[in-house]
Every structure is written in structure tokens, then in C-alpha cells.
């Protein structure tokens, strides 16, 4: 029997720690490239103000980087403590990119972050600039391997189930790393980090202008942020379209749930701008549709069909029935490895074995399942439609707002009027939390939309947990909440302290009055 309370607690713990960790990751990705750009201007022009800008924003980068490291380590430990069977089942595949991330990318980051902070007086300008760009490269490489591992959970390619070892094994490492889902997820996530880094610099610089402090510093910082942020925000939208296309190819239920598209529409499918999804009745009330848009995004054609939720549930029924055959053959092979007939039967139906495990998730023996059991298992493939529907729309609305804000900022910067409109500076300041909200919602769409799967179509989430007690998970969950709350207090204190001090308070140059 599966302890669903244990499953829910383990999921909650991982979700909380992952989302907390992701507060720091995108800022690291974006802010380090801002540092590299600023230092490049310093090296090319020799103007001391650009060096001081790099050093000041580098202090905030360092605080954020340290917090990201501290919160990221615990995530990988949870695969062993809370998700032991998941680690056993797919560890040969999932562990490979994680190991590379630790050995190559993280060591690269750790080495060059030290050189960045302590090498200003020991390295030449060119050498220090190279260090900063290598640090930026290292953060992206770190993201590459992590996101490749996550992409494999969404679209498991380059691996197959070995009936003799009862584990997933790598068949093509290049297919795993270079899958379309991995590529689109990497560029989309990294671009979102660039937006967050640009907004961070823009918002804090706007605060300085509102206070009449560090005027030249703030104007230059906002100019870099506006230019970099506009390019990044446009990239996020374009690359988000690519992500939508890969989802339509590989995770049809996720896309249908994001759209609350209960039934297949005549192509090209419309995009639901607004609506209230009703899970019980499987319909969307007060829906406002934009014709053709979803069909063009999801299929890039006028005649491509996007299946609805109800049709995908029926498709899942067929896969479950097919998977039951593979499951029965697997049980015969576990009893007798030399059963040639069972092995041939398993090879024929093994691609749907994971769907049979949905019955195990419901505490039903796949070999004794009734039609009602199969229907319940098929219905369980529907994720939380309202959560996905609204998370996606809020995220997209934020994305278009970022484009508008950065475009207006770029226009003001080109006219040297960044400090002319207090309403704009206040808008820029109060926009600071929005990229974090958009980024977290993006992960909710990606991960919650995959449910009930830990590995899409292969391993249900409920089957991946460790054999631990709920008391143990409660204890570790409470411990994490206390520890992470303390880290949040420290991080907020340090960030606010150094922002309030500013470059003038740190003695980088005299305070400027309006």
C-alpha cells in the first residue's frame, strides 16, 4: 500500500526547497552577465565609474550566489533521503548530468567567483575581464546540466528500461542532452534569468534616482539594464513559443490543461484568453477565445490538431491496457528469466509499462484491475487544470509587461531622460518582485503540469518515494522551513544593508546631491 500522506509531504518538501532555491538561481544567471557587460565597458573605456559599478553590483551578486549554493546542496540530498526508489530506478540516467554539473560547471563557478572578488588588484584588466566572463559562462553551464536532467523528466529520451536490472539505463547520452525539450528549456530559463537580473539592476537604480543619490551610477546602470533587459524579455517570449511547441509534441496533456481545452477543437485551435475552468463539469465558463493562436503556437500549421483533455484520457486508457500486458510479462520474467515468450511480449508492449504503474499508484494490482480501475487511472493523468491555467496566464502577462517596461526604459535612456518621470521610477521600483513571481509560476507550470508523473510516461511520482515514516519527513520539513527562514532573514538583511549604503556609502565615490 502506498502512503499518500508520505508522498504529499515529500512532494511538498521538495517543492518548497526547490522554489526557494530558485529565488537565487535566476538572479545569479542574469546579474553575472550584467557584471560582464559593465566590466567590458570599463576595460574598453578605462573609465573608473564602470569598474565601481561592476564592484558594487558584484557585492550583491556575491550575497545571492552564496545563498544559491547553500540552498542548492540540500536539493540533491533529497533524492537519496526522500526519493530513494526514484534514484534507484533512474539514477543511472538522471545522475549523469547532475554529476557533470557538480564536477565541471560548479567547480568552474567556485574557482572564478573567488578570482572575481579577490583579483582586482592582482590581475590585469584583461585577465580580470576574462575571469568575469568565465564566471558568467560557468553559471550558464551549471544551468545547462541541471535543466538537461529536468528536461529528461519531461521527455525521457536516450534511455530505456532494462528488464534484467529493473532500472532505466542510458542508451544515447547525446540524445539526452540535445533533445529539443532540453534545448528549449535551457534557453528559455536562462533568458528568464537575464530578465530578472536586468530588473534587479533597473529597480534598485530607480530607487537611487528617487532618493537623489548616485545619479551617474544609477543612470548608467539603468541604461545597461534597459538594453539587456529588452533583448532578454523579447527572447523569453520567442523562446517561450518554442517551449510551447515542444510541449505540444511531447506533453499533450500538459498543454491541454494549460489551455483548459477539454475537447479537441477544429484546427487551428483557439487560445483561451480568460475563463474559469470547472474540473467537475470538465468545461470552462465565461471563456474568451482568440481564434487560431493556440493552433499556430502548438502545431505551427493551420491544420494541425491539438487533442483535448477528454480525448487524451481515452488515449491513456489504451496505454494502460497495453501496459498491463507488459506488466504481466514482467512478472513472468521476474519468476523465470528464461521465459522467451514473456520476454518477447514484454519487448512488444514495454513502452506503456509506466501507464500500468498508474494502477499501482492507486493500490490496484494491474493484473487484477477492473475497467473502473483503469478509468480511474486514466482520469488521474489530468493535472490540476485551474492551477496550470492561471499560472501560465499570469506568467505570460508579466512577460509582456517586462517588454513594455524595458522598451520604455530604453527609449528614455536613449533620450537621456531616465530621471525625468517619478511615476516611471516608482513603476520600475515596484516591478522588482514581478520577475521572481513569473519565474516561480513558470516552474509550477513545468513541474505541476507533469503530474502524476515523476518521469513522463515511465514512473508515477507516488512510486518514487523512500521507505521512511511521515514523522521523519515532517521533522525534516520543519527543519528546512526553520533553516530557510533564517537564511531568508540573513539574505534580506544583507541585501537591504548594502543597497541602502550604496556605492557612496561604501566609499566608492562621493555622494551626489540632486
Protein backbone atom coordinates (compact mmCIF):
# COMPACT_ATOMS: atom_id res chain seq x y z
CA UNK A 1 0.00 0.00 0.00
CA UNK A 2 1.23 3.46 -0.89
CA UNK A 3 1.24 6.02 1.91
CA UNK A 4 -0.15 9.02 0.05
CA UNK A 5 0.44 11.28 3.04
CA UNK A 6 4.13 10.42 2.79
CA UNK A 7 4.06 11.14 -0.94
CA UNK A 8 2.37 14.51 -0.44
CA UNK A 9 4.79 15.53 2.32
CA UNK A 10 7.80 14.51 0.25
CA UNK A 11 6.49 16.47 -2.71
CA UNK A 12 5.77 19.48 -0.51
CA UNK A 13 9.27 19.42 0.94
CA UNK A 14 10.92 19.20 -2.46
CA UNK A 15 8.63 21.89 -3.90
CA UNK A 16 9.38 24.32 -1.06
CA UNK A 17 13.13 23.80 -1.17
CA UNK A 18 13.26 23.90 -4.98
CA UNK A 19 11.19 27.07 -5.27
CA UNK A 20 13.20 28.73 -2.51
CA UNK A 21 16.44 27.78 -4.26
CA UNK A 22 15.07 29.18 -7.50
CA UNK A 23 14.74 32.60 -5.90
CA UNK A 24 18.53 32.84 -6.18
CA UNK A 25 19.36 30.92 -9.39
CA UNK A 26 17.85 33.29 -12.00
CA UNK A 27 19.35 36.35 -10.31
CA UNK A 28 22.76 34.69 -10.45
CA UNK A 29 22.27 33.87 -14.14
CA UNK A 30 21.22 37.40 -15.04
CA UNK A 31 23.32 39.56 -12.75
CA UNK A 32 26.63 37.92 -13.67
CA UNK A 33 26.15 38.85 -17.33
CA UNK A 34 25.36 42.41 -16.27
CA UNK A 35 28.70 42.41 -14.42
CA UNK A 36 30.49 41.11 -17.51
CA UNK A 37 28.95 43.82 -19.68
CA UNK A 38 29.81 46.59 -17.22
CA UNK A 39 33.38 45.40 -16.81
CA UNK A 40 33.76 45.12 -20.58
CA UNK A 41 32.84 48.80 -20.87
CA UNK A 42 35.38 49.59 -18.14
CA UNK A 43 38.16 47.73 -19.95
CA UNK A 44 37.30 49.35 -23.30
CA UNK A 45 36.94 52.91 -21.98
CA UNK A 46 39.15 52.94 -18.90
CA UNK A 47 36.52 54.97 -17.04
CA UNK A 48 36.68 54.25 -13.32
CA UNK A 49 32.92 54.60 -12.80
CA UNK A 50 32.30 51.38 -14.75
CA UNK A 51 34.74 49.50 -12.54
CA UNK A 52 32.97 50.76 -9.43
CA UNK A 53 29.63 49.77 -10.93
CA UNK A 54 30.94 46.25 -11.52
CA UNK A 55 32.27 46.05 -7.97
CA UNK A 56 29.08 47.33 -6.33
CA UNK A 57 26.71 45.05 -8.23
CA UNK A 58 29.27 42.30 -7.67
CA UNK A 59 28.74 42.59 -3.90
CA UNK A 60 25.02 41.90 -4.33
CA UNK A 61 25.86 39.09 -6.75
CA UNK A 62 28.14 37.52 -4.15
CA UNK A 63 25.45 37.55 -1.45
CA UNK A 64 22.96 35.97 -3.83
CA UNK A 65 25.50 33.40 -5.09
CA UNK A 66 26.30 32.23 -1.57
CA UNK A 67 22.61 31.78 -0.78
CA UNK A 68 22.08 29.86 -4.01
CA UNK A 69 24.85 27.43 -3.14
CA UNK A 70 23.60 26.92 0.40
CA UNK A 71 20.05 26.17 -0.72
CA UNK A 72 21.00 24.08 -3.76
CA UNK A 73 23.03 21.42 -1.97
CA UNK A 74 20.04 20.18 0.02
CA UNK A 75 18.05 19.50 -3.15
CA UNK A 76 20.37 16.76 -4.37
CA UNK A 77 20.44 15.12 -0.93
CA UNK A 78 16.67 14.79 -1.06
CA UNK A 79 16.92 12.36 -3.96
CA UNK A 80 18.54 9.94 -1.54
CA UNK A 81 16.58 10.72 1.59
CA UNK A 82 13.03 11.22 0.25
CA UNK A 83 13.13 9.75 -3.26
CA UNK A 84 15.24 6.62 -2.91
CA UNK A 85 13.29 4.48 -5.37
CA UNK A 86 13.33 7.27 -7.92
CA UNK A 87 17.12 7.42 -7.52
CA UNK A 88 17.39 3.65 -7.89
CA UNK A 89 15.07 3.47 -10.90
CA UNK A 90 16.53 6.33 -12.97
CA UNK A 91 19.76 7.17 -11.15
CA UNK A 92 21.98 5.90 -13.99
CA UNK A 93 20.33 8.42 -16.30
CA UNK A 94 19.39 11.34 -14.07
CA UNK A 95 22.58 11.22 -12.03
CA UNK A 96 24.89 11.66 -15.03
CA UNK A 97 24.11 15.33 -15.83
CA UNK A 98 23.99 16.12 -12.10
CA UNK A 99 27.47 14.69 -11.63
CA UNK A 100 28.80 16.65 -14.61
CA UNK A 101 27.21 19.81 -13.21
CA UNK A 102 28.98 19.30 -9.91
CA UNK A 103 32.36 18.32 -11.32
CA UNK A 104 32.63 20.76 -14.19
CA UNK A 105 30.24 23.68 -14.00
CA UNK A 106 30.08 24.26 -10.24
CA UNK A 107 33.86 23.93 -9.81
CA UNK A 108 34.25 26.45 -12.64
CA UNK A 109 31.92 28.85 -10.87
CA UNK A 110 33.54 28.34 -7.46
CA UNK A 111 37.04 28.96 -8.85
CA UNK A 112 36.26 32.10 -10.79
CA UNK A 113 33.95 33.67 -8.20
CA UNK A 114 36.94 33.80 -5.88
CA UNK A 115 39.15 35.33 -8.56
CA UNK A 116 36.44 37.86 -9.35
CA UNK A 117 36.28 39.20 -5.79
CA UNK A 118 39.94 38.95 -4.81
CA UNK A 119 41.66 39.50 -8.12
CA UNK A 120 41.02 43.20 -8.75
CA UNK A 121 44.48 44.22 -7.52
CA UNK A 122 46.27 41.05 -8.55
CA UNK A 123 45.16 40.57 -12.18
CA UNK A 124 45.43 42.82 -15.19
CA UNK A 125 42.27 44.39 -16.59
CA UNK A 126 42.06 41.89 -19.43
CA UNK A 127 42.68 38.90 -17.20
CA UNK A 128 40.07 40.01 -14.69
CA UNK A 129 37.59 40.58 -17.50
CA UNK A 130 38.27 37.04 -18.72
CA UNK A 131 37.56 35.79 -15.18
CA UNK A 132 34.22 37.60 -15.12
CA UNK A 133 33.16 36.20 -18.48
CA UNK A 134 34.26 32.69 -17.45
CA UNK A 135 32.21 33.09 -14.27
CA UNK A 136 29.20 34.00 -16.42
CA UNK A 137 29.90 31.02 -18.66
CA UNK A 138 30.17 28.74 -15.62
CA UNK A 139 26.77 29.77 -14.26
CA UNK A 140 25.16 29.01 -17.62
CA UNK A 141 26.94 25.65 -17.85
CA UNK A 142 25.66 24.81 -14.39
CA UNK A 143 22.13 25.62 -15.53
CA UNK A 144 22.63 23.58 -18.72
CA UNK A 145 23.23 20.27 -16.94
CA UNK A 146 20.54 20.77 -14.34
CA UNK A 147 17.98 21.71 -16.97
CA UNK A 148 19.02 18.79 -19.18
CA UNK A 149 18.28 16.46 -16.27
CA UNK A 150 14.93 18.14 -15.68
CA UNK A 151 14.11 18.05 -19.39
CA UNK A 152 14.67 14.31 -19.36
CA UNK A 153 11.98 14.03 -16.68
CA UNK A 154 9.63 15.84 -19.06
CA UNK A 155 10.71 13.98 -22.21
CA UNK A 156 12.68 10.79 -21.40
CA UNK A 157 14.83 10.09 -24.46
CA UNK A 158 18.23 8.43 -24.79
CA UNK A 159 17.38 5.76 -22.22
CA UNK A 160 15.34 2.60 -21.90
CA UNK A 161 14.15 0.17 -19.24
CA UNK A 162 16.34 -2.91 -18.72
CA UNK A 163 14.17 -5.79 -17.60
CA UNK A 164 17.18 -7.67 -16.21
CA UNK A 165 18.32 -4.86 -13.88
CA UNK A 166 14.84 -3.36 -13.38
CA UNK A 167 16.27 0.11 -13.98
CA UNK A 168 16.41 2.78 -16.64
CA UNK A 169 19.77 2.87 -18.46
CA UNK A 170 21.36 5.36 -20.84
CA UNK A 171 21.36 4.35 -24.49
CA UNK A 172 22.37 7.69 -26.03
CA UNK A 173 23.87 10.47 -23.91
CA UNK A 174 23.81 12.88 -26.85
CA UNK A 175 20.07 12.30 -27.32
CA UNK A 176 19.52 13.06 -23.64
CA UNK A 177 21.49 16.31 -23.70
CA UNK A 178 20.48 17.52 -27.15
CA UNK A 179 16.78 16.73 -27.02
CA UNK A 180 14.52 19.57 -28.23
CA UNK A 181 12.97 19.84 -24.77
CA UNK A 182 16.40 20.24 -23.13
CA UNK A 183 17.44 22.90 -25.62
CA UNK A 184 14.24 24.94 -25.38
CA UNK A 185 14.10 24.64 -21.58
CA UNK A 186 17.71 25.80 -21.25
CA UNK A 187 17.47 28.90 -23.43
CA UNK A 188 14.03 29.86 -22.08
CA UNK A 189 15.06 29.52 -18.42
CA UNK A 190 18.37 31.30 -18.88
CA UNK A 191 16.68 34.16 -20.74
CA UNK A 192 14.21 34.49 -17.88
CA UNK A 193 17.20 34.79 -15.55
CA UNK A 194 18.58 37.59 -17.72
CA UNK A 195 15.26 39.42 -17.38
CA UNK A 196 15.36 39.05 -13.61
CA UNK A 197 18.93 40.31 -13.40
CA UNK A 198 18.09 43.32 -15.56
CA UNK A 199 15.00 44.13 -13.48
CA UNK A 200 17.04 43.86 -10.29
CA UNK A 201 19.52 46.47 -11.52
CA UNK A 202 16.78 48.67 -13.03
CA UNK A 203 14.65 48.71 -9.87
CA UNK A 204 17.44 49.42 -7.41
CA UNK A 205 18.87 52.12 -9.70
CA UNK A 206 15.40 53.69 -9.90
CA UNK A 207 15.36 53.81 -6.09
CA UNK A 208 18.66 55.71 -6.10
CA UNK A 209 17.27 58.24 -8.57
CA UNK A 210 14.13 58.68 -6.47
CA UNK A 211 16.38 59.38 -3.47
CA UNK A 212 18.65 61.68 -5.49
CA UNK A 213 21.71 59.52 -4.75
CA UNK A 214 24.43 58.12 -7.01
CA UNK A 215 22.89 59.79 -10.06
CA UNK A 216 25.53 58.93 -12.66
CA UNK A 217 25.94 55.43 -11.30
CA UNK A 218 22.17 54.83 -11.42
CA UNK A 219 21.70 56.26 -14.91
CA UNK A 220 24.44 54.11 -16.39
CA UNK A 221 23.21 51.03 -14.57
CA UNK A 222 19.66 51.63 -15.82
CA UNK A 223 20.91 52.10 -19.38
CA UNK A 224 22.66 48.73 -19.31
CA UNK A 225 19.64 47.11 -17.64
CA UNK A 226 17.18 48.59 -20.15
CA UNK A 227 19.18 47.40 -23.16
CA UNK A 228 19.99 43.96 -21.78
CA UNK A 229 16.51 43.54 -20.30
CA UNK A 230 14.68 44.43 -23.51
CA UNK A 231 16.70 41.91 -25.51
CA UNK A 232 16.17 39.27 -22.82
CA UNK A 233 12.42 39.92 -22.47
CA UNK A 234 11.92 39.62 -26.22
CA UNK A 235 13.96 36.41 -26.18
CA UNK A 236 11.81 34.94 -23.42
CA UNK A 237 8.66 35.42 -25.50
CA UNK A 238 10.21 34.00 -28.66
CA UNK A 239 11.79 31.06 -26.85
CA UNK A 240 8.58 30.54 -24.88
CA UNK A 241 6.88 29.93 -28.19
CA UNK A 242 9.47 27.22 -28.88
CA UNK A 243 8.77 25.69 -25.46
CA UNK A 244 5.07 25.67 -26.27
CA UNK A 245 5.76 23.79 -29.47
CA UNK A 246 7.88 21.13 -27.73
CA UNK A 247 5.20 20.68 -25.07
CA UNK A 248 2.58 20.13 -27.77
CA UNK A 249 4.81 17.43 -29.26
CA UNK A 250 5.78 15.60 -26.07
CA UNK A 251 3.36 16.53 -23.25
CA UNK A 252 -0.03 16.91 -24.82
CA UNK A 253 -1.92 16.61 -21.54
CA UNK A 254 0.10 19.46 -20.02
CA UNK A 255 -0.70 21.74 -22.96
CA UNK A 256 -4.40 20.83 -22.95
CA UNK A 257 -4.54 21.52 -19.20
CA UNK A 258 -2.78 24.89 -19.58
CA UNK A 259 -5.48 25.80 -22.09
CA UNK A 260 -8.31 24.12 -20.16
CA UNK A 261 -9.16 22.57 -23.54
CA UNK A 262 -11.48 19.77 -22.51
CA UNK A 263 -12.29 18.57 -26.02
CA UNK A 264 -10.42 18.60 -29.29
CA UNK A 265 -11.19 21.72 -31.31
CA UNK A 266 -11.27 22.00 -35.11
CA UNK A 267 -7.82 23.20 -36.24
CA UNK A 268 -6.33 25.66 -35.77
CA UNK A 269 -7.26 25.70 -32.08
CA UNK A 270 -8.04 29.00 -30.36
CA UNK A 271 -6.24 30.45 -27.33
CA UNK A 272 -8.34 30.98 -24.20
CA UNK A 273 -7.54 34.50 -23.03
CA UNK A 274 -9.81 34.25 -19.98
CA UNK A 275 -12.07 31.68 -18.43
CA UNK A 276 -12.96 29.81 -15.26
CA UNK A 277 -12.08 26.10 -15.58
CA UNK A 278 -14.60 23.76 -13.98
CA UNK A 279 -12.94 20.42 -13.24
CA UNK A 280 -16.15 18.72 -12.07
CA UNK A 281 -18.07 19.53 -15.25
CA UNK A 282 -14.99 19.48 -17.48
CA UNK A 283 -15.79 22.77 -19.12
CA UNK A 284 -14.53 26.36 -18.98
CA UNK A 285 -17.07 29.02 -18.03
CA UNK A 286 -17.04 32.57 -19.45
CA UNK A 287 -14.27 31.65 -21.89
CA UNK A 288 -12.90 34.39 -24.14
CA UNK A 289 -11.11 32.90 -27.14
CA UNK A 290 -8.58 34.31 -29.59
CA UNK A 291 -9.01 32.30 -32.82
CA UNK A 292 -6.13 30.29 -34.30
CA UNK A 293 -3.44 31.37 -31.83
CA UNK A 294 -3.04 28.11 -29.89
CA UNK A 295 -3.07 26.04 -33.05
CA UNK A 296 -0.33 28.16 -34.59
CA UNK A 297 1.80 28.02 -31.41
CA UNK A 298 1.24 24.33 -30.75
CA UNK A 299 1.43 22.91 -34.27
CA UNK A 300 2.86 25.76 -36.40
CA UNK A 301 0.27 24.96 -39.00
CA UNK A 302 -3.33 25.69 -39.90
CA UNK A 303 -4.42 22.07 -39.97
CA UNK A 304 -2.55 20.53 -37.02
CA UNK A 305 -4.81 19.01 -34.35
CA UNK A 306 -4.32 19.63 -30.63
CA UNK A 307 -6.14 16.90 -28.67
CA UNK A 308 -8.39 17.84 -25.77
CA UNK A 309 -8.24 16.52 -22.22
CA UNK A 310 -11.10 14.05 -22.65
CA UNK A 311 -9.56 12.58 -25.78
CA UNK A 312 -6.17 12.27 -24.07
CA UNK A 313 -7.81 10.43 -21.16
CA UNK A 314 -9.21 7.90 -23.63
CA UNK A 315 -5.76 7.56 -25.18
CA UNK A 316 -4.35 6.93 -21.69
CA UNK A 317 -6.90 4.14 -21.19
CA UNK A 318 -5.48 2.34 -24.20
CA UNK A 319 -1.93 2.78 -22.96
CA UNK A 320 -2.88 1.44 -19.53
CA UNK A 321 -4.42 -1.67 -21.07
CA UNK A 322 -1.33 -2.14 -23.21
CA UNK A 323 0.90 -1.55 -20.20
CA UNK A 324 -0.93 -4.23 -18.25
CA UNK A 325 0.30 -6.76 -20.81
CA UNK A 326 3.88 -5.56 -20.30
CA UNK A 327 3.43 -5.68 -16.52
CA UNK A 328 2.15 -9.27 -16.61
CA UNK A 329 5.06 -10.29 -18.85
CA UNK A 330 7.48 -8.58 -16.48
CA UNK A 331 6.12 -10.56 -13.53
CA UNK A 332 6.60 -13.79 -15.51
CA UNK A 333 10.19 -12.80 -16.30
CA UNK A 334 10.93 -11.99 -12.67
CA UNK A 335 9.87 -15.54 -11.86
CA UNK A 336 11.71 -17.09 -14.82
CA UNK A 337 14.40 -15.10 -16.67
CA UNK A 338 14.47 -17.73 -19.44
CA UNK A 339 10.80 -17.34 -20.42
CA UNK A 340 11.29 -16.46 -24.10
CA UNK A 341 7.60 -15.90 -24.79
CA UNK A 342 7.24 -13.47 -21.87
CA UNK A 343 10.36 -11.56 -22.96
CA UNK A 344 9.03 -11.14 -26.48
CA UNK A 345 5.68 -10.00 -25.11
CA UNK A 346 7.37 -7.52 -22.81
CA UNK A 347 9.51 -6.06 -25.60
CA UNK A 348 6.39 -5.54 -27.70
CA UNK A 349 4.49 -3.62 -25.03
CA UNK A 350 7.22 -2.18 -22.75
CA UNK A 351 6.76 1.43 -23.91
CA UNK A 352 3.48 1.58 -21.99
CA UNK A 353 4.69 -0.15 -18.82
CA UNK A 354 4.66 3.16 -16.95
CA UNK A 355 0.95 3.60 -17.59
CA UNK A 356 0.26 0.25 -15.92
CA UNK A 357 2.11 1.57 -12.88
CA UNK A 358 -0.60 4.22 -12.54
CA UNK A 359 -2.76 1.38 -11.25
CA UNK A 360 -0.13 0.52 -8.64
CA UNK A 361 -0.25 4.19 -7.62
CA UNK A 362 -3.95 3.63 -6.87
CA UNK A 363 -3.15 0.47 -4.84
CA UNK A 364 -4.53 -1.77 -7.58
CA UNK A 365 -2.77 -4.86 -8.94
CA UNK A 366 -2.52 -4.20 -12.70
CA UNK A 367 -3.18 -7.89 -13.42
CA UNK A 368 -6.45 -7.80 -11.46
CA UNK A 369 -7.65 -4.32 -12.46
CA UNK A 370 -11.29 -3.80 -13.41
CA UNK A 371 -12.50 -1.41 -16.15
CA UNK A 372 -13.44 1.04 -13.39
CA UNK A 373 -9.88 0.85 -12.03
CA UNK A 374 -8.46 1.52 -15.48
CA UNK A 375 -10.77 4.51 -15.88
CA UNK A 376 -9.68 5.92 -12.51
CA UNK A 377 -6.05 5.54 -13.52
CA UNK A 378 -6.72 7.26 -16.86
CA UNK A 379 -8.54 10.12 -15.14
CA UNK A 380 -5.56 10.55 -12.80
CA UNK A 381 -3.42 11.67 -15.75
CA UNK A 382 -5.22 15.05 -15.63
CA UNK A 383 -3.14 17.54 -13.61
CA UNK A 384 -4.61 20.45 -11.65
CA UNK A 385 -6.15 22.40 -14.53
CA UNK A 386 -7.04 25.67 -12.70
CA UNK A 387 -3.53 25.98 -11.24
CA UNK A 388 -1.89 25.50 -14.63
CA UNK A 389 -4.42 27.70 -16.43
CA UNK A 390 -3.91 30.74 -14.20
CA UNK A 391 -0.19 30.25 -13.54
CA UNK A 392 0.50 30.31 -17.25
CA UNK A 393 -1.59 33.40 -17.92
CA UNK A 394 -0.11 35.42 -15.07
CA UNK A 395 3.37 34.43 -16.22
CA UNK A 396 2.65 35.50 -19.81
CA UNK A 397 1.09 38.79 -18.67
CA UNK A 398 4.26 39.51 -16.69
CA UNK A 399 6.35 38.73 -19.75
CA UNK A 400 4.58 41.28 -21.94
CA UNK A 401 4.74 43.84 -19.14
CA UNK A 402 8.51 43.37 -18.97
CA UNK A 403 8.81 44.06 -22.69
CA UNK A 404 6.80 47.27 -22.33
CA UNK A 405 8.75 48.45 -19.28
CA UNK A 406 12.18 47.73 -20.74
CA UNK A 407 11.22 49.25 -24.10
CA UNK A 408 10.09 52.45 -22.40
CA UNK A 409 13.25 52.43 -20.27
CA UNK A 410 15.38 52.03 -23.38
CA UNK A 411 13.56 54.94 -25.05
CA UNK A 412 14.12 57.15 -22.01
CA UNK A 413 17.77 56.11 -21.83
CA UNK A 414 18.31 56.97 -25.49
CA UNK A 415 16.88 60.45 -24.79
CA UNK A 416 18.81 60.81 -21.51
CA UNK A 417 15.57 61.26 -19.57
CA UNK A 418 15.70 58.38 -17.11
CA UNK A 419 15.35 60.71 -14.13
CA UNK A 420 12.61 62.96 -15.56
CA UNK A 421 9.47 60.99 -14.61
CA UNK A 422 8.99 60.00 -10.99
CA UNK A 423 5.95 57.86 -11.87
CA UNK A 424 8.20 55.79 -14.14
CA UNK A 425 10.87 55.40 -11.46
CA UNK A 426 8.23 54.27 -8.97
CA UNK A 427 6.85 51.79 -11.52
CA UNK A 428 10.36 50.43 -12.12
CA UNK A 429 10.96 50.12 -8.38
CA UNK A 430 7.69 48.34 -7.60
CA UNK A 431 8.21 45.97 -10.54
CA UNK A 432 11.13 44.33 -8.71
CA UNK A 433 9.22 41.23 -7.43
CA UNK A 434 7.45 40.51 -10.73
CA UNK A 435 10.25 38.54 -12.44
CA UNK A 436 10.51 36.26 -9.40
CA UNK A 437 6.76 35.70 -9.50
CA UNK A 438 6.90 34.91 -13.22
CA UNK A 439 9.86 32.55 -12.76
CA UNK A 440 8.22 30.61 -9.93
CA UNK A 441 4.97 30.34 -11.89
CA UNK A 442 6.96 29.01 -14.83
CA UNK A 443 8.29 26.20 -12.67
CA UNK A 444 4.82 25.48 -11.34
CA UNK A 445 3.61 25.08 -14.92
CA UNK A 446 6.57 22.87 -15.82
CA UNK A 447 6.57 20.60 -12.76
CA UNK A 448 2.94 20.57 -11.63
CA UNK A 449 1.89 20.10 -15.23
CA UNK A 450 3.87 16.85 -15.40
CA UNK A 451 1.86 15.21 -12.63
CA UNK A 452 1.08 12.40 -11.93
CA UNK A 453 4.48 11.54 -13.40
CA UNK A 454 7.94 11.86 -11.89
CA UNK A 455 9.27 10.71 -15.28
CA UNK A 456 6.74 11.41 -18.02
CA UNK A 457 5.08 8.15 -19.08
CA UNK A 458 7.59 5.99 -17.16
CA UNK A 459 7.41 6.41 -13.38
CA UNK A 460 4.48 7.83 -11.40
CA UNK A 461 5.53 10.25 -8.68
CA UNK A 462 3.92 8.20 -5.93
CA UNK A 463 6.15 5.21 -6.67
CA UNK A 464 9.41 7.14 -6.32
CA UNK A 465 9.35 7.89 -2.58
CA UNK A 466 11.65 6.41 0.06
CA UNK A 467 10.59 3.91 2.70
CA UNK A 468 10.62 6.43 5.52
CA UNK A 469 7.97 7.46 8.00
CA UNK A 470 5.81 10.55 7.76
CA UNK A 471 7.25 11.60 11.13
CA UNK A 472 10.73 11.69 9.64
CA UNK A 473 9.58 13.75 6.66
CA UNK A 474 7.65 16.12 8.95
CA UNK A 475 10.80 16.60 11.04
CA UNK A 476 13.00 17.34 8.04
CA UNK A 477 10.33 19.59 6.52
CA UNK A 478 10.04 21.65 9.70
CA UNK A 479 13.83 21.78 9.91
CA UNK A 480 14.09 23.06 6.35
CA UNK A 481 11.43 25.70 6.94
CA UNK A 482 13.27 26.99 10.03
CA UNK A 483 16.68 26.89 8.32
CA UNK A 484 15.47 28.52 5.12
CA UNK A 485 13.56 31.18 7.03
CA UNK A 486 16.78 32.06 8.84
CA UNK A 487 18.61 32.20 5.51
CA UNK A 488 15.87 34.45 4.09
CA UNK A 489 16.27 36.85 7.01
CA UNK A 490 20.05 36.93 6.57
CA UNK A 491 19.78 37.40 2.81
CA UNK A 492 17.21 40.20 3.11
CA UNK A 493 19.27 41.91 5.81
CA UNK A 494 22.48 41.84 3.77
CA UNK A 495 20.82 42.89 0.51
CA UNK A 496 18.97 45.80 2.12
CA UNK A 497 22.07 46.81 4.08
CA UNK A 498 24.29 47.13 1.02
CA UNK A 499 21.61 48.65 -1.21
CA UNK A 500 20.89 51.30 1.42
CA UNK A 501 24.60 52.01 1.81
CA UNK A 502 25.01 52.27 -1.93
CA UNK A 503 28.30 52.87 -3.70
CA UNK A 504 28.59 56.26 -2.00
CA UNK A 505 28.15 54.74 1.47
CA UNK A 506 30.77 52.11 0.64
CA UNK A 507 33.27 54.82 -0.24
CA UNK A 508 33.36 54.07 -3.96
CA UNK A 509 32.83 57.75 -4.80
CA UNK A 510 31.41 60.86 -3.10
CA UNK A 511 27.65 61.07 -2.67
CA UNK A 512 25.95 63.19 -5.32
CA UNK A 513 23.13 65.55 -4.48
CA UNK A 514 20.32 66.38 -6.94
